[in-house]
Amino acid sequence: MLGVKFIIILALFGAITSAADQGYLDSRNKLIKRGRRHSLGGKLELTEKEKEVNRIFMKHKINELSLAFNDTSQNSPAMHFFKAKDVIENNLLLRVLFSNFRMHCNLHIV
């Protein structure tokens, strides 16, 4: 009889804590979404082409971060600039971003 009461109490406790956890997760997700909306560009809506480009860039970024964590000689953010310069210059993602940045800078100077 004592074992049955103990099991019932455990089941009730589990139901209460799972409901509390769900409330916490809902509040946390709302806070994260609100923070994203208030960040720079948080209210910006991307077109489908821009979303596709973003997915491609993010895929390459995640791959590069994985490489940097596994091979510290490729972790340019953790290196001194003069040592990381070759790694940065040979980085495909940064080359694309910098070439695009330079092009836009030239347009604003002219």
Protein backbone atom coordinates (compact mmCIF):
# COMPACT_ATOMS: atom_id res chain seq x y z
CA MET A 1 0.00 0.00 0.00
CA LEU A 2 2.85 2.37 0.86
CA GLY A 3 4.49 1.59 -2.47
CA VAL A 4 1.33 2.49 -4.40
CA LYS A 5 1.05 5.86 -2.60
CA PHE A 6 4.72 6.52 -3.33
CA ILE A 7 4.21 5.78 -7.03
CA ILE A 8 1.15 8.07 -7.16
CA ILE A 9 3.12 10.88 -5.49
CA LEU A 10 5.99 10.42 -7.96
CA ALA A 11 3.58 10.51 -10.91
CA LEU A 12 1.95 13.72 -9.62
CA PHE A 13 5.34 15.29 -9.00
CA GLY A 14 6.44 14.37 -12.53
CA ALA A 15 3.29 15.90 -14.03
CA ILE A 16 3.73 19.11 -12.06
CA THR A 17 7.42 19.50 -12.94
CA SER A 18 6.84 18.77 -16.63
CA ALA A 19 4.12 21.44 -16.72
CA ALA A 20 6.48 23.88 -14.97
CA ASP A 21 9.26 22.99 -17.42
CA GLN A 22 6.94 23.66 -20.36
CA GLY A 23 6.03 27.05 -18.91
CA TYR A 24 9.72 27.86 -18.52
CA LEU A 25 10.48 26.78 -22.09
CA ASP A 26 7.58 28.85 -23.47
CA SER A 27 8.77 31.94 -21.57
CA ARG A 28 12.34 31.34 -22.69
CA ASN A 29 11.35 31.01 -26.37
CA LYS A 30 9.25 34.21 -26.19
CA LEU A 31 12.20 36.07 -24.65
CA ILE A 32 14.57 34.81 -27.36
CA LYS A 33 12.14 35.83 -30.13
CA ARG A 34 11.68 39.27 -28.57
CA GLY A 35 15.45 39.69 -28.34
CA ARG A 36 15.87 38.76 -32.00
CA ARG A 37 13.24 41.30 -33.04
CA HIS A 38 15.06 44.04 -31.13
CA SER A 39 18.45 43.16 -32.59
CA LEU A 40 19.90 44.91 -35.61
CA GLY A 41 17.92 43.71 -38.62
CA GLY A 42 15.55 41.73 -36.41
CA LYS A 43 12.48 43.04 -38.21
CA LEU A 44 13.99 42.55 -41.65
CA GLU A 45 12.17 40.04 -43.83
CA LEU A 46 14.36 38.15 -46.29
CA THR A 47 13.23 37.14 -49.75
CA GLU A 48 13.36 33.48 -50.73
CA LYS A 49 16.63 34.03 -52.64
CA GLU A 50 18.15 35.81 -49.64
CA LYS A 51 17.03 32.97 -47.35
CA GLU A 52 18.70 30.45 -49.67
CA VAL A 53 21.94 32.47 -49.70
CA ASN A 54 21.76 32.72 -45.91
CA ARG A 55 21.34 28.92 -45.63
CA ILE A 56 24.39 28.40 -47.86
CA PHE A 57 26.51 30.87 -45.87
CA MET A 58 25.42 29.37 -42.56
CA LYS A 59 26.27 25.86 -43.81
CA HIS A 60 29.78 27.01 -44.73
CA LYS A 61 30.13 28.93 -41.47
CA ILE A 62 29.18 25.88 -39.39
CA ASN A 63 31.58 23.70 -41.40
CA GLU A 64 34.40 26.19 -40.85
CA LEU A 65 33.68 26.43 -37.13
CA SER A 66 33.72 22.64 -36.88
CA LEU A 67 37.05 22.56 -38.69
CA ALA A 68 38.44 25.27 -36.39
CA PHE A 69 37.40 23.37 -33.26
CA ASN A 70 38.93 20.14 -34.53
CA ASP A 71 42.09 21.68 -36.04
CA THR A 72 43.37 24.61 -33.97
CA SER A 73 45.82 25.60 -36.70
CA GLN A 74 42.77 26.66 -38.76
CA ASN A 75 41.08 28.59 -35.93
CA SER A 76 41.77 32.12 -37.20
CA PRO A 77 39.78 33.97 -34.48
CA ALA A 78 42.07 32.45 -31.85
CA MET A 79 45.27 33.37 -33.69
CA HIS A 80 47.32 36.53 -33.83
CA PHE A 81 46.40 38.44 -36.99
CA PHE A 82 49.80 38.03 -38.65
CA LYS A 83 49.63 34.27 -38.16
CA ALA A 84 45.98 34.09 -39.24
CA LYS A 85 46.37 36.30 -42.30
CA ASP A 86 47.03 33.37 -44.67
CA VAL A 87 44.14 31.36 -43.21
CA ILE A 88 41.83 34.39 -43.58
CA GLU A 89 42.94 35.09 -47.16
CA ASN A 90 42.38 31.45 -48.16
CA ASN A 91 38.97 31.27 -46.52
CA LEU A 92 36.32 31.01 -49.27
CA LEU A 93 33.51 32.48 -47.21
CA LEU A 94 35.53 35.51 -46.12
CA ARG A 95 36.80 36.08 -49.66
CA VAL A 96 33.23 36.24 -50.94
CA LEU A 97 32.15 38.58 -48.15
CA PHE A 98 35.17 40.88 -48.48
CA SER A 99 34.93 41.08 -52.28
CA ASN A 100 31.26 42.03 -51.98
CA PHE A 101 32.12 44.54 -49.24
CA ARG A 102 34.86 46.15 -51.34
CA MET A 103 32.52 46.44 -54.31
CA HIS A 104 29.90 48.25 -52.22
CA CYS A 105 32.52 50.51 -50.65
CA ASN A 106 33.69 51.56 -54.10
CA LEU A 107 30.12 52.36 -55.11
CA HIS A 108 29.74 54.68 -52.09
CA ILE A 109 33.06 56.45 -52.69
CA VAL A 110 32.28 57.33 -56.31
